[in-house]
Structures are given as C-alpha cells and as structure tokens.
PDB file of N, CA and C in Angstrom:
ATOM      1  N   GLN A   1      12.038  16.729   8.380  1.00  0.00           N
ATOM      2  CA  GLN A   1      11.606  16.002   9.582  1.00  0.00           C
ATOM      3  C   GLN A   1      10.265  15.305   9.318  1.00  0.00           C
ATOM      4  N   VAL A   2      10.248  14.005   9.633  1.00  0.00           N
ATOM      5  CA  VAL A   2       9.062  13.216   9.383  1.00  0.00           C
ATOM      6  C   VAL A   2       7.963  13.622  10.391  1.00  0.00           C
ATOM      7  N   GLN A   3       6.869  13.952   9.930  1.00  0.00           N
ATOM      8  CA  GLN A   3       5.803  14.380  10.792  1.00  0.00           C
ATOM      9  C   GLN A   3       4.723  13.348  11.049  1.00  0.00           C
ATOM     10  N   LEU A   4       4.657  12.324  10.162  1.00  0.00           N
ATOM     11  CA  LEU A   4       3.660  11.311  10.202  1.00  0.00           C
ATOM     12  C   LEU A   4       4.208   9.910  10.443  1.00  0.00           C
ATOM     13  N   VAL A   5       3.551   9.143  11.230  1.00  0.00           N
ATOM     14  CA  VAL A   5       4.067   7.813  11.598  1.00  0.00           C
ATOM     15  C   VAL A   5       2.949   6.819  11.302  1.00  0.00           C
ATOM     16  N   GLU A   6       3.281   5.823  10.429  1.00  0.00           N
ATOM     17  CA  GLU A   6       2.330   4.813  10.037  1.00  0.00           C
ATOM     18  C   GLU A   6       2.527   3.543  10.822  1.00  0.00           C
ATOM     19  N   SER A   7       1.367   2.830  11.094  1.00  0.00           N
ATOM     20  CA  SER A   7       1.435   1.585  11.814  1.00  0.00           C
ATOM     21  C   SER A   7       0.218   0.737  11.437  1.00  0.00           C
ATOM     22  N   GLY A   8       0.176  -0.538  11.866  1.00  0.00           N
ATOM     23  CA  GLY A   8      -0.958  -1.378  11.641  1.00  0.00           C
ATOM     24  C   GLY A   8      -0.801  -2.449  10.540  1.00  0.00           C
ATOM     25  N   GLY A   9       0.272  -2.435   9.819  1.00  0.00           N
ATOM     26  CA  GLY A   9       0.455  -3.425   8.796  1.00  0.00           C
ATOM     27  C   GLY A   9       0.692  -4.756   9.373  1.00  0.00           C
ATOM     28  N   GLY A  10       0.760  -5.759   8.495  1.00  0.00           N
ATOM     29  CA  GLY A  10       0.989  -7.158   8.925  1.00  0.00           C
ATOM     30  C   GLY A  10       0.712  -8.124   7.780  1.00  0.00           C
ATOM     31  N   LEU A  11       0.763  -9.405   8.186  1.00  0.00           N
ATOM     32  CA  LEU A  11       0.518 -10.482   7.253  1.00  0.00           C
ATOM     33  C   LEU A  11      -0.967 -10.962   7.372  1.00  0.00           C
ATOM     34  N   VAL A  12      -1.699 -10.998   6.283  1.00  0.00           N
ATOM     35  CA  VAL A  12      -3.071 -11.321   6.343  1.00  0.00           C
ATOM     36  C   VAL A  12      -3.461 -12.206   5.109  1.00  0.00           C
ATOM     37  N   GLN A  13      -4.428 -13.114   5.264  1.00  0.00           N
ATOM     38  CA  GLN A  13      -4.802 -13.838   4.129  1.00  0.00           C
ATOM     39  C   GLN A  13      -5.727 -13.089   3.221  1.00  0.00           C
ATOM     40  N   ALA A  14      -5.777 -13.451   1.976  1.00  0.00           N
ATOM     41  CA  ALA A  14      -6.626 -12.815   1.018  1.00  0.00           C
ATOM     42  C   ALA A  14      -8.100 -12.908   1.580  1.00  0.00           C
ATOM     43  N   GLY A  15      -8.885 -11.810   1.427  1.00  0.00           N
ATOM     44  CA  GLY A  15     -10.197 -11.765   1.935  1.00  0.00           C
ATOM     45  C   GLY A  15     -10.278 -11.186   3.351  1.00  0.00           C
ATOM     46  N   GLY A  16      -9.095 -11.097   4.019  1.00  0.00           N
ATOM     47  CA  GLY A  16      -9.121 -10.525   5.372  1.00  0.00           C
ATOM     48  C   GLY A  16      -9.125  -9.031   5.444  1.00  0.00           C
ATOM     49  N   SER A  17      -8.897  -8.474   6.639  1.00  0.00           N
ATOM     50  CA  SER A  17      -8.927  -7.047   6.840  1.00  0.00           C
ATOM     51  C   SER A  17      -7.820  -6.616   7.734  1.00  0.00           C
ATOM     52  N   LEU A  18      -7.458  -5.343   7.501  1.00  0.00           N
ATOM     53  CA  LEU A  18      -6.460  -4.690   8.360  1.00  0.00           C
ATOM     54  C   LEU A  18      -6.916  -3.255   8.521  1.00  0.00           C
ATOM     55  N   ARG A  19      -6.496  -2.609   9.631  1.00  0.00           N
ATOM     56  CA  ARG A  19      -6.676  -1.158   9.769  1.00  0.00           C
ATOM     57  C   ARG A  19      -5.336  -0.524  10.005  1.00  0.00           C
ATOM     58  N   LEU A  20      -4.989   0.406   9.150  1.00  0.00           N
ATOM     59  CA  LEU A  20      -3.757   1.193   9.282  1.00  0.00           C
ATOM     60  C   LEU A  20      -4.049   2.474  10.001  1.00  0.00           C
ATOM     61  N   SER A  21      -3.053   2.916  10.698  1.00  0.00           N
ATOM     62  CA  SER A  21      -3.093   4.233  11.419  1.00  0.00           C
ATOM     63  C   SER A  21      -1.949   5.118  10.956  1.00  0.00           C
ATOM     64  N   CYS A  22      -2.206   6.406  10.945  1.00  0.00           N
ATOM     65  CA  CYS A  22      -1.173   7.411  10.601  1.00  0.00           C
ATOM     66  C   CYS A  22      -1.336   8.525  11.622  1.00  0.00           C
ATOM     67  N   ARG A  23      -0.300   8.576  12.542  1.00  0.00           N
ATOM     68  CA  ARG A  23      -0.376   9.538  13.635  1.00  0.00           C
ATOM     69  C   ARG A  23       0.517  10.680  13.311  1.00  0.00           C
ATOM     70  N   ALA A  24       0.184  11.850  13.933  1.00  0.00           N
ATOM     71  CA  ALA A  24       1.047  13.056  13.778  1.00  0.00           C
ATOM     72  C   ALA A  24       1.469  13.551  15.178  1.00  0.00           C
ATOM     73  N   PRO A  25       2.326  12.797  15.838  1.00  0.00           N
ATOM     74  CA  PRO A  25       2.657  13.103  17.222  1.00  0.00           C
ATOM     75  C   PRO A  25       3.343  14.510  17.411  1.00  0.00           C
ATOM     76  N   ARG A  26       3.992  15.008  16.371  1.00  0.00           N
ATOM     77  CA  ARG A  26       4.719  16.241  16.595  1.00  0.00           C
ATOM     78  C   ARG A  26       3.919  17.455  16.169  1.00  0.00           C
ATOM     79  N   MET A  27       2.772  17.253  15.472  1.00  0.00           N
ATOM     80  CA  MET A  27       1.939  18.322  15.063  1.00  0.00           C
ATOM     81  C   MET A  27       0.999  18.912  16.083  1.00  0.00           C
ATOM     82  N   ILE A  28       0.766  20.147  16.056  1.00  0.00           N
ATOM     83  CA  ILE A  28      -0.264  20.660  16.930  1.00  0.00           C
ATOM     84  C   ILE A  28      -1.597  20.502  16.258  1.00  0.00           C
ATOM     85  N   THR A  29      -2.653  20.487  16.961  1.00  0.00           N
ATOM     86  CA  THR A  29      -3.998  20.226  16.330  1.00  0.00           C
ATOM     87  C   THR A  29      -4.385  21.237  15.241  1.00  0.00           C
ATOM     88  N   SER A  30      -4.003  22.482  15.502  1.00  0.00           N
ATOM     89  CA  SER A  30      -4.351  23.525  14.561  1.00  0.00           C
ATOM     90  C   SER A  30      -3.608  23.398  13.257  1.00  0.00           C
ATOM     91  N   THR A  31      -2.513  22.649  13.227  1.00  0.00           N
ATOM     92  CA  THR A  31      -1.745  22.354  11.980  1.00  0.00           C
ATOM     93  C   THR A  31      -2.396  21.159  11.335  1.00  0.00           C
ATOM     94  N   PHE A  32      -2.725  20.167  12.132  1.00  0.00           N
ATOM     95  CA  PHE A  32      -3.256  18.847  11.601  1.00  0.00           C
ATOM     96  C   PHE A  32      -4.617  19.048  10.964  1.00  0.00           C
ATOM     97  N   ASN A  33      -5.465  19.700  11.650  1.00  0.00           N
ATOM     98  CA  ASN A  33      -6.898  19.689  11.242  1.00  0.00           C
ATOM     99  C   ASN A  33      -7.188  20.153   9.829  1.00  0.00           C
ATOM    100  N   PRO A  34      -6.515  21.145   9.305  1.00  0.00           N
ATOM    101  CA  PRO A  34      -6.861  21.621   7.969  1.00  0.00           C
ATOM    102  C   PRO A  34      -6.195  20.782   6.831  1.00  0.00           C
ATOM    103  N   LEU A  35      -5.413  19.812   7.167  1.00  0.00           N
ATOM    104  CA  LEU A  35      -4.679  19.077   6.159  1.00  0.00           C
ATOM    105  C   LEU A  35      -5.567  18.069   5.430  1.00  0.00           C
ATOM    106  N   THR A  36      -5.369  17.946   4.059  1.00  0.00           N
ATOM    107  CA  THR A  36      -5.861  16.785   3.383  1.00  0.00           C
ATOM    108  C   THR A  36      -4.754  15.753   3.391  1.00  0.00           C
ATOM    109  N   LEU A  37      -5.083  14.582   3.996  1.00  0.00           N
ATOM    110  CA  LEU A  37      -4.034  13.558   4.232  1.00  0.00           C
ATOM    111  C   LEU A  37      -4.359  12.348   3.396  1.00  0.00           C
ATOM    112  N   GLY A  38      -3.335  11.752   2.773  1.00  0.00           N
ATOM    113  CA  GLY A  38      -3.533  10.660   1.879  1.00  0.00           C
ATOM    114  C   GLY A  38      -2.707   9.444   2.283  1.00  0.00           C
ATOM    115  N   TRP A  39      -3.190   8.292   1.804  1.00  0.00           N
ATOM    116  CA  TRP A  39      -2.481   7.083   1.908  1.00  0.00           C
ATOM    117  C   TRP A  39      -1.945   6.670   0.567  1.00  0.00           C
ATOM    118  N   TYR A  40      -0.752   6.135   0.511  1.00  0.00           N
ATOM    119  CA  TYR A  40      -0.073   5.755  -0.710  1.00  0.00           C
ATOM    120  C   TYR A  40       0.537   4.364  -0.526  1.00  0.00           C
ATOM    121  N   ARG A  41       0.756   3.626  -1.581  1.00  0.00           N
ATOM    122  CA  ARG A  41       1.304   2.329  -1.584  1.00  0.00           C
ATOM    123  C   ARG A  41       2.440   2.182  -2.447  1.00  0.00           C
ATOM    124  N   GLN A  42       3.514   1.528  -2.098  1.00  0.00           N
ATOM    125  CA  GLN A  42       4.652   1.280  -2.918  1.00  0.00           C
ATOM    126  C   GLN A  42       5.021  -0.176  -2.857  1.00  0.00           C
ATOM    127  N   VAL A  43       5.298  -0.697  -4.134  1.00  0.00           N
ATOM    128  CA  VAL A  43       5.814  -2.073  -4.181  1.00  0.00           C
ATOM    129  C   VAL A  43       7.146  -1.987  -4.883  1.00  0.00           C
ATOM    130  N   PRO A  44       8.024  -2.936  -4.685  1.00  0.00           N
ATOM    131  CA  PRO A  44       9.367  -2.883  -5.288  1.00  0.00           C
ATOM    132  C   PRO A  44       9.308  -2.783  -6.752  1.00  0.00           C
ATOM    133  N   GLY A  45      10.091  -1.880  -7.305  1.00  0.00           N
ATOM    134  CA  GLY A  45      10.174  -1.696  -8.730  1.00  0.00           C
ATOM    135  C   GLY A  45       9.120  -0.801  -9.400  1.00  0.00           C
ATOM    136  N   LYS A  46       8.201  -0.333  -8.517  1.00  0.00           N
ATOM    137  CA  LYS A  46       7.109   0.514  -9.029  1.00  0.00           C
ATOM    138  C   LYS A  46       7.068   1.888  -8.287  1.00  0.00           C
ATOM    139  N   GLN A  47       6.481   2.848  -8.928  1.00  0.00           N
ATOM    140  CA  GLN A  47       6.312   4.149  -8.269  1.00  0.00           C
ATOM    141  C   GLN A  47       5.255   4.028  -7.163  1.00  0.00           C
ATOM    142  N   ARG A  48       5.477   4.937  -6.231  1.00  0.00           N
ATOM    143  CA  ARG A  48       4.461   5.040  -5.143  1.00  0.00           C
ATOM    144  C   ARG A  48       3.096   5.511  -5.781  1.00  0.00           C
ATOM    145  N   GLU A  49       2.028   4.853  -5.416  1.00  0.00           N
ATOM    146  CA  GLU A  49       0.739   5.165  -6.031  1.00  0.00           C
ATOM    147  C   GLU A  49      -0.261   5.631  -4.897  1.00  0.00           C
ATOM    148  N   PHE A  50      -1.100   6.527  -5.357  1.00  0.00           N
ATOM    149  CA  PHE A  50      -2.229   7.037  -4.487  1.00  0.00           C
ATOM    150  C   PHE A  50      -3.232   5.972  -4.190  1.00  0.00           C
ATOM    151  N   ILE A  51      -3.686   5.905  -2.963  1.00  0.00           N
ATOM    152  CA  ILE A  51      -4.703   4.956  -2.540  1.00  0.00           C
ATOM    153  C   ILE A  51      -5.988   5.643  -2.101  1.00  0.00           C
ATOM    154  N   ALA A  52      -5.864   6.615  -1.191  1.00  0.00           N
ATOM    155  CA  ALA A  52      -7.064   7.226  -0.636  1.00  0.00           C
ATOM    156  C   ALA A  52      -6.665   8.552   0.047  1.00  0.00           C
ATOM    157  N   ALA A  53      -7.605   9.462   0.202  1.00  0.00           N
ATOM    158  CA  ALA A  53      -7.396  10.712   0.919  1.00  0.00           C
ATOM    159  C   ALA A  53      -8.586  11.146   1.611  1.00  0.00           C
ATOM    160  N   VAL A  54      -8.427  11.978   2.636  1.00  0.00           N
ATOM    161  CA  VAL A  54      -9.522  12.570   3.328  1.00  0.00           C
ATOM    162  C   VAL A  54      -9.205  13.993   3.645  1.00  0.00           C
ATOM    163  N   ASP A  55     -10.102  14.933   3.348  1.00  0.00           N
ATOM    164  CA  ASP A  55      -9.791  16.313   3.590  1.00  0.00           C
ATOM    165  C   ASP A  55     -10.317  16.778   4.957  1.00  0.00           C
ATOM    166  N   ASN A  56     -10.204  18.090   5.234  1.00  0.00           N
ATOM    167  CA  ASN A  56     -10.596  18.624   6.529  1.00  0.00           C
ATOM    168  C   ASN A  56     -12.089  18.529   6.836  1.00  0.00           C
ATOM    169  N   THR A  57     -12.905  18.312   5.773  1.00  0.00           N
ATOM    170  CA  THR A  57     -14.341  18.266   5.918  1.00  0.00           C
ATOM    171  C   THR A  57     -14.822  16.783   6.123  1.00  0.00           C
ATOM    172  N   GLY A  58     -13.857  15.877   5.942  1.00  0.00           N
ATOM    173  CA  GLY A  58     -14.221  14.460   5.946  1.00  0.00           C
ATOM    174  C   GLY A  58     -14.498  13.893   4.606  1.00  0.00           C
ATOM    175  N   SER A  59     -14.435  14.759   3.575  1.00  0.00           N
ATOM    176  CA  SER A  59     -14.677  14.248   2.198  1.00  0.00           C
ATOM    177  C   SER A  59     -13.501  13.345   1.822  1.00  0.00           C
ATOM    178  N   THR A  60     -13.843  12.255   1.103  1.00  0.00           N
ATOM    179  CA  THR A  60     -12.907  11.287   0.748  1.00  0.00           C
ATOM    180  C   THR A  60     -12.751  11.005  -0.781  1.00  0.00           C
ATOM    181  N   ASN A  61     -11.586  10.443  -1.149  1.00  0.00           N
ATOM    182  CA  ASN A  61     -11.315  10.151  -2.517  1.00  0.00           C
ATOM    183  C   ASN A  61     -10.532   8.863  -2.561  1.00  0.00           C
ATOM    184  N   TYR A  62     -10.790   8.001  -3.516  1.00  0.00           N
ATOM    185  CA  TYR A  62     -10.099   6.724  -3.541  1.00  0.00           C
ATOM    186  C   TYR A  62      -9.598   6.315  -4.944  1.00  0.00           C
ATOM    187  N   ALA A  63      -8.586   5.552  -4.992  1.00  0.00           N
ATOM    188  CA  ALA A  63      -8.195   4.983  -6.271  1.00  0.00           C
ATOM    189  C   ALA A  63      -9.227   3.989  -6.685  1.00  0.00           C
ATOM    190  N   ASP A  64      -9.384   3.821  -7.980  1.00  0.00           N
ATOM    191  CA  ASP A  64     -10.383   2.812  -8.495  1.00  0.00           C
ATOM    192  C   ASP A  64     -10.138   1.415  -7.961  1.00  0.00           C
ATOM    193  N   SER A  65      -8.912   1.082  -7.758  1.00  0.00           N
ATOM    194  CA  SER A  65      -8.548  -0.319  -7.383  1.00  0.00           C
ATOM    195  C   SER A  65      -9.008  -0.670  -5.946  1.00  0.00           C
ATOM    196  N   VAL A  66      -9.349   0.327  -5.133  1.00  0.00           N
ATOM    197  CA  VAL A  66      -9.743   0.079  -3.777  1.00  0.00           C
ATOM    198  C   VAL A  66     -11.074   0.544  -3.421  1.00  0.00           C
ATOM    199  N   LYS A  67     -11.823   1.168  -4.332  1.00  0.00           N
ATOM    200  CA  LYS A  67     -13.170   1.625  -4.069  1.00  0.00           C
ATOM    201  C   LYS A  67     -14.056   0.478  -3.631  1.00  0.00           C
ATOM    202  N   GLY A  68     -14.802   0.712  -2.624  1.00  0.00           N
ATOM    203  CA  GLY A  68     -15.803  -0.295  -2.132  1.00  0.00           C
ATOM    204  C   GLY A  68     -15.095  -1.257  -1.143  1.00  0.00           C
ATOM    205  N   ARG A  69     -13.804  -1.252  -1.017  1.00  0.00           N
ATOM    206  CA  ARG A  69     -13.088  -2.142  -0.156  1.00  0.00           C
ATOM    207  C   ARG A  69     -12.359  -1.405   1.003  1.00  0.00           C
ATOM    208  N   PHE A  70     -11.827  -0.246   0.674  1.00  0.00           N
ATOM    209  CA  PHE A  70     -11.078   0.487   1.660  1.00  0.00           C
ATOM    210  C   PHE A  70     -11.904   1.743   2.067  1.00  0.00           C
ATOM    211  N   THR A  71     -11.676   2.102   3.363  1.00  0.00           N
ATOM    212  CA  THR A  71     -12.358   3.310   3.839  1.00  0.00           C
ATOM    213  C   THR A  71     -11.293   4.157   4.640  1.00  0.00           C
ATOM    214  N   VAL A  72     -11.187   5.426   4.224  1.00  0.00           N
ATOM    215  CA  VAL A  72     -10.298   6.354   4.919  1.00  0.00           C
ATOM    216  C   VAL A  72     -11.079   7.256   5.852  1.00  0.00           C
ATOM    217  N   SER A  73     -10.546   7.499   7.020  1.00  0.00           N
ATOM    218  CA  SER A  73     -11.227   8.346   8.023  1.00  0.00           C
ATOM    219  C   SER A  73     -10.157   9.056   8.819  1.00  0.00           C
ATOM    220  N   ARG A  74     -10.665   9.992   9.587  1.00  0.00           N
ATOM    221  CA  ARG A  74      -9.696  10.728  10.503  1.00  0.00           C
ATOM    222  C   ARG A  74     -10.316  11.050  11.836  1.00  0.00           C
ATOM    223  N   ASP A  75      -9.493  11.144  12.805  1.00  0.00           N
ATOM    224  CA  ASP A  75      -9.916  11.551  14.194  1.00  0.00           C
ATOM    225  C   ASP A  75      -9.000  12.703  14.530  1.00  0.00           C
ATOM    226  N   ASN A  76      -9.558  13.953  14.377  1.00  0.00           N
ATOM    227  CA  ASN A  76      -8.706  15.113  14.651  1.00  0.00           C
ATOM    228  C   ASN A  76      -8.224  15.254  16.088  1.00  0.00           C
ATOM    229  N   ALA A  77      -9.083  14.803  17.003  1.00  0.00           N
ATOM    230  CA  ALA A  77      -8.700  14.863  18.406  1.00  0.00           C
ATOM    231  C   ALA A  77      -7.451  14.025  18.723  1.00  0.00           C
ATOM    232  N   ARG A  78      -7.322  12.934  17.979  1.00  0.00           N
ATOM    233  CA  ARG A  78      -6.159  12.062  18.149  1.00  0.00           C
ATOM    234  C   ARG A  78      -5.112  12.346  17.102  1.00  0.00           C
ATOM    235  N   LYS A  79      -5.317  13.291  16.243  1.00  0.00           N
ATOM    236  CA  LYS A  79      -4.397  13.694  15.132  1.00  0.00           C
ATOM    237  C   LYS A  79      -3.979  12.350  14.438  1.00  0.00           C
ATOM    238  N   THR A  80      -4.960  11.671  13.991  1.00  0.00           N
ATOM    239  CA  THR A  80      -4.747  10.291  13.428  1.00  0.00           C
ATOM    240  C   THR A  80      -5.653  10.162  12.205  1.00  0.00           C
ATOM    241  N   VAL A  81      -5.084   9.573  11.113  1.00  0.00           N
ATOM    242  CA  VAL A  81      -5.880   9.158   9.945  1.00  0.00           C
ATOM    243  C   VAL A  81      -5.835   7.612   9.858  1.00  0.00           C
ATOM    244  N   TYR A  82      -6.973   6.996   9.492  1.00  0.00           N
ATOM    245  CA  TYR A  82      -7.049   5.579   9.479  1.00  0.00           C
ATOM    246  C   TYR A  82      -7.329   5.126   8.017  1.00  0.00           C
ATOM    247  N   LEU A  83      -6.897   3.895   7.743  1.00  0.00           N
ATOM    248  CA  LEU A  83      -7.306   3.232   6.455  1.00  0.00           C
ATOM    249  C   LEU A  83      -7.789   1.846   6.816  1.00  0.00           C
ATOM    250  N   GLN A  84      -9.076   1.691   6.713  1.00  0.00           N
ATOM    251  CA  GLN A  84      -9.699   0.346   6.959  1.00  0.00           C
ATOM    252  C   GLN A  84      -9.685  -0.349   5.642  1.00  0.00           C
ATOM    253  N   MET A  85      -9.031  -1.489   5.632  1.00  0.00           N
ATOM    254  CA  MET A  85      -8.846  -2.290   4.367  1.00  0.00           C
ATOM    255  C   MET A  85      -9.625  -3.610   4.568  1.00  0.00           C
ATOM    256  N   ASN A  86     -10.648  -3.839   3.780  1.00  0.00           N
ATOM    257  CA  ASN A  86     -11.397  -5.067   3.781  1.00  0.00           C
ATOM    258  C   ASN A  86     -11.258  -5.817   2.441  1.00  0.00           C
ATOM    259  N   SER A  87     -11.634  -7.122   2.494  1.00  0.00           N
ATOM    260  CA  SER A  87     -11.574  -7.887   1.217  1.00  0.00           C
ATOM    261  C   SER A  87     -10.214  -7.762   0.564  1.00  0.00           C
ATOM    262  N   LEU A  88      -9.200  -7.973   1.375  1.00  0.00           N
ATOM    263  CA  LEU A  88      -7.843  -7.688   0.867  1.00  0.00           C
ATOM    264  C   LEU A  88      -7.512  -8.717  -0.256  1.00  0.00           C
ATOM    265  N   LYS A  89      -6.740  -8.240  -1.217  1.00  0.00           N
ATOM    266  CA  LYS A  89      -6.285  -9.057  -2.311  1.00  0.00           C
ATOM    267  C   LYS A  89      -4.703  -9.103  -2.375  1.00  0.00           C
ATOM    268  N   SER A  90      -4.199 -10.077  -2.995  1.00  0.00           N
ATOM    269  CA  SER A  90      -2.731 -10.212  -3.069  1.00  0.00           C
ATOM    270  C   SER A  90      -2.145  -8.920  -3.702  1.00  0.00           C
ATOM    271  N   GLU A  91      -2.792  -8.290  -4.554  1.00  0.00           N
ATOM    272  CA  GLU A  91      -2.252  -7.060  -5.239  1.00  0.00           C
ATOM    273  C   GLU A  91      -2.328  -5.848  -4.341  1.00  0.00           C
ATOM    274  N   ASP A  92      -2.900  -5.977  -3.171  1.00  0.00           N
ATOM    275  CA  ASP A  92      -2.800  -4.890  -2.162  1.00  0.00           C
ATOM    276  C   ASP A  92      -1.493  -4.929  -1.376  1.00  0.00           C
ATOM    277  N   THR A  93      -0.759  -5.960  -1.575  1.00  0.00           N
ATOM    278  CA  THR A  93       0.563  -6.014  -0.903  1.00  0.00           C
ATOM    279  C   THR A  93       1.471  -4.843  -1.225  1.00  0.00           C
ATOM    280  N   GLY A  94       2.119  -4.403  -0.229  1.00  0.00           N
ATOM    281  CA  GLY A  94       3.035  -3.306  -0.433  1.00  0.00           C
ATOM    282  C   GLY A  94       3.312  -2.545   0.890  1.00  0.00           C
ATOM    283  N   VAL A  95       4.152  -1.519   0.823  1.00  0.00           N
ATOM    284  CA  VAL A  95       4.398  -0.656   1.950  1.00  0.00           C
ATOM    285  C   VAL A  95       3.480   0.582   1.830  1.00  0.00           C
ATOM    286  N   TYR A  96       2.713   0.829   2.898  1.00  0.00           N
ATOM    287  CA  TYR A  96       1.774   1.920   2.856  1.00  0.00           C
ATOM    288  C   TYR A  96       2.335   3.121   3.667  1.00  0.00           C
ATOM    289  N   PHE A  97       2.152   4.286   3.051  1.00  0.00           N
ATOM    290  CA  PHE A  97       2.636   5.521   3.594  1.00  0.00           C
ATOM    291  C   PHE A  97       1.483   6.529   3.690  1.00  0.00           C
ATOM    292  N   CYS A  98       1.612   7.437   4.583  1.00  0.00           N
ATOM    293  CA  CYS A  98       0.665   8.606   4.572  1.00  0.00           C
ATOM    294  C   CYS A  98       1.464   9.862   4.419  1.00  0.00           C
ATOM    295  N   ASN A  99       0.796  10.927   3.921  1.00  0.00           N
ATOM    296  CA  ASN A  99       1.477  12.189   3.722  1.00  0.00           C
ATOM    297  C   ASN A  99       0.393  13.304   3.484  1.00  0.00           C
ATOM    298  N   ASN A 100       0.848  14.504   3.642  1.00  0.00           N
ATOM    299  CA  ASN A 100       0.050  15.635   3.304  1.00  0.00           C
ATOM    300  C   ASN A 100      -0.109  15.653   1.789  1.00  0.00           C
ATOM    301  N   VAL A 101      -1.347  15.629   1.280  1.00  0.00           N
ATOM    302  CA  VAL A 101      -1.510  15.500  -0.164  1.00  0.00           C
ATOM    303  C   VAL A 101      -1.080  16.742  -0.901  1.00  0.00           C
ATOM    304  N   ARG A 102      -1.400  17.934  -0.409  1.00  0.00           N
ATOM    305  CA  ARG A 102      -1.159  19.165  -1.142  1.00  0.00           C
ATOM    306  C   ARG A 102       0.284  19.694  -0.985  1.00  0.00           C
ATOM    307  N   ALA A 103       0.949  19.308   0.104  1.00  0.00           N
ATOM    308  CA  ALA A 103       2.319  19.735   0.280  1.00  0.00           C
ATOM    309  C   ALA A 103       3.056  18.641   1.030  1.00  0.00           C
ATOM    310  N   PRO A 104       3.411  17.570   0.286  1.00  0.00           N
ATOM    311  CA  PRO A 104       4.030  16.443   0.917  1.00  0.00           C
ATOM    312  C   PRO A 104       5.309  16.795   1.634  1.00  0.00           C
ATOM    313  N   GLY A 105       5.436  16.248   2.831  1.00  0.00           N
ATOM    314  CA  GLY A 105       6.676  16.385   3.629  1.00  0.00           C
ATOM    315  C   GLY A 105       7.523  15.143   3.418  1.00  0.00           C
ATOM    316  N   ALA A 106       8.521  15.034   4.275  1.00  0.00           N
ATOM    317  CA  ALA A 106       9.384  13.853   4.224  1.00  0.00           C
ATOM    318  C   ALA A 106       8.590  12.609   4.480  1.00  0.00           C
ATOM    319  N   TRP A 107       8.902  11.567   3.689  1.00  0.00           N
ATOM    320  CA  TRP A 107       8.159  10.339   3.802  1.00  0.00           C
ATOM    321  C   TRP A 107       8.672   9.561   5.073  1.00  0.00           C
ATOM    322  N   GLY A 108       7.799   8.837   5.732  1.00  0.00           N
ATOM    323  CA  GLY A 108       8.134   8.094   6.871  1.00  0.00           C
ATOM    324  C   GLY A 108       8.561   6.702   6.480  1.00  0.00           C
ATOM    325  N   LYS A 109       8.613   5.818   7.393  1.00  0.00           N
ATOM    326  CA  LYS A 109       9.066   4.423   7.052  1.00  0.00           C
ATOM    327  C   LYS A 109       7.937   3.618   6.482  1.00  0.00           C
ATOM    328  N   GLY A 110       6.719   4.041   6.619  1.00  0.00           N
ATOM    329  CA  GLY A 110       5.602   3.238   6.138  1.00  0.00           C
ATOM    330  C   GLY A 110       5.337   2.034   6.973  1.00  0.00           C
ATOM    331  N   THR A 111       4.322   1.227   6.591  1.00  0.00           N
ATOM    332  CA  THR A 111       3.974   0.016   7.248  1.00  0.00           C
ATOM    333  C   THR A 111       3.646  -1.023   6.164  1.00  0.00           C
ATOM    334  N   LEU A 112       4.260  -2.203   6.375  1.00  0.00           N
ATOM    335  CA  LEU A 112       4.212  -3.254   5.397  1.00  0.00           C
ATOM    336  C   LEU A 112       2.852  -4.087   5.503  1.00  0.00           C
ATOM    337  N   VAL A 113       2.228  -4.166   4.408  1.00  0.00           N
ATOM    338  CA  VAL A 113       1.031  -5.055   4.293  1.00  0.00           C
ATOM    339  C   VAL A 113       1.362  -6.197   3.343  1.00  0.00           C
ATOM    340  N   ASN A 114       1.147  -7.420   3.831  1.00  0.00           N
ATOM    341  CA  ASN A 114       1.521  -8.574   3.036  1.00  0.00           C
ATOM    342  C   ASN A 114       0.254  -9.439   2.994  1.00  0.00           C
ATOM    343  N   VAL A 115      -0.376  -9.509   1.834  1.00  0.00           N
ATOM    344  CA  VAL A 115      -1.555 -10.313   1.650  1.00  0.00           C
ATOM    345  C   VAL A 115      -1.281 -11.659   0.969  1.00  0.00           C
ATOM    346  N   SER A 116      -1.435 -12.722   1.643  1.00  0.00           N
ATOM    347  CA  SER A 116      -1.180 -14.017   1.081  1.00  0.00           C
ATOM    348  C   SER A 116      -2.363 -14.608   0.341  1.00  0.00           C
ATOM    349  N   SER A 117      -2.130 -15.213  -0.732  1.00  0.00           N
ATOM    350  CA  SER A 117      -3.271 -15.733  -1.530  1.00  0.00           C
ATOM    351  C   SER A 117      -3.497 -17.203  -1.202  1.00  0.00           C
TER     352      SER A 117
END
C-alpha cells in the first residue's frame, strides 16, 4: 500500500524553481514523525537515484549534484516533506519520488519535473 503521495512537479525553464510536496495522508503522526524521508529521481533508462533526505531531528543530507540548490524540509504537523528546488538545470529533469529511507515501502506515482533549457 502506497503511503506517500508526491505533488508539485511541472514544466519550468532552466534557472527557475519548484517546490515538491510529499504527503502521508494514511499515516498517523506517531508513525510519520520518526521516519527519515528521502527524495529520489528517476529518468528513463536509468536507476532511481537519491536526491535528498531529512531525518526526525531535521538533519539533512544531499546528493552532490543538488547541494546548494535544493533544500529538503518537513512539517510533522502536516505529515509532509518538501523539496525546494532552485536554480534548476535540464539534468534535474525526471520523475521525483519520496519514500522511507531506512525501510522503503511501495513506490508512489511520483511527480514529473521537466526543466527546459
């Protein structure tokens, strides 16, 4: 059962910004709060790659390719994790997913980000 729902993708020009959201509508807060949640990106023909994660303390981790441009955050009261993406590049194009980093569940549909150069 998919527990996380991604949204916020779209078409944007290079240099622009987007904010992705990952909601957990079926989780209770006591389940959501301790989780380390991550964002991942997949492009056709390639494996899904790690982008960023935030743990229950708010500590974050990023792939080198997005450091300084992307910011991951969470709002436990809303059971939501965000990915603020700035200075977007064409190579950021892909379908973005979120999941539990330590014990991944079923993958959702993701949200498509398309950066035009």
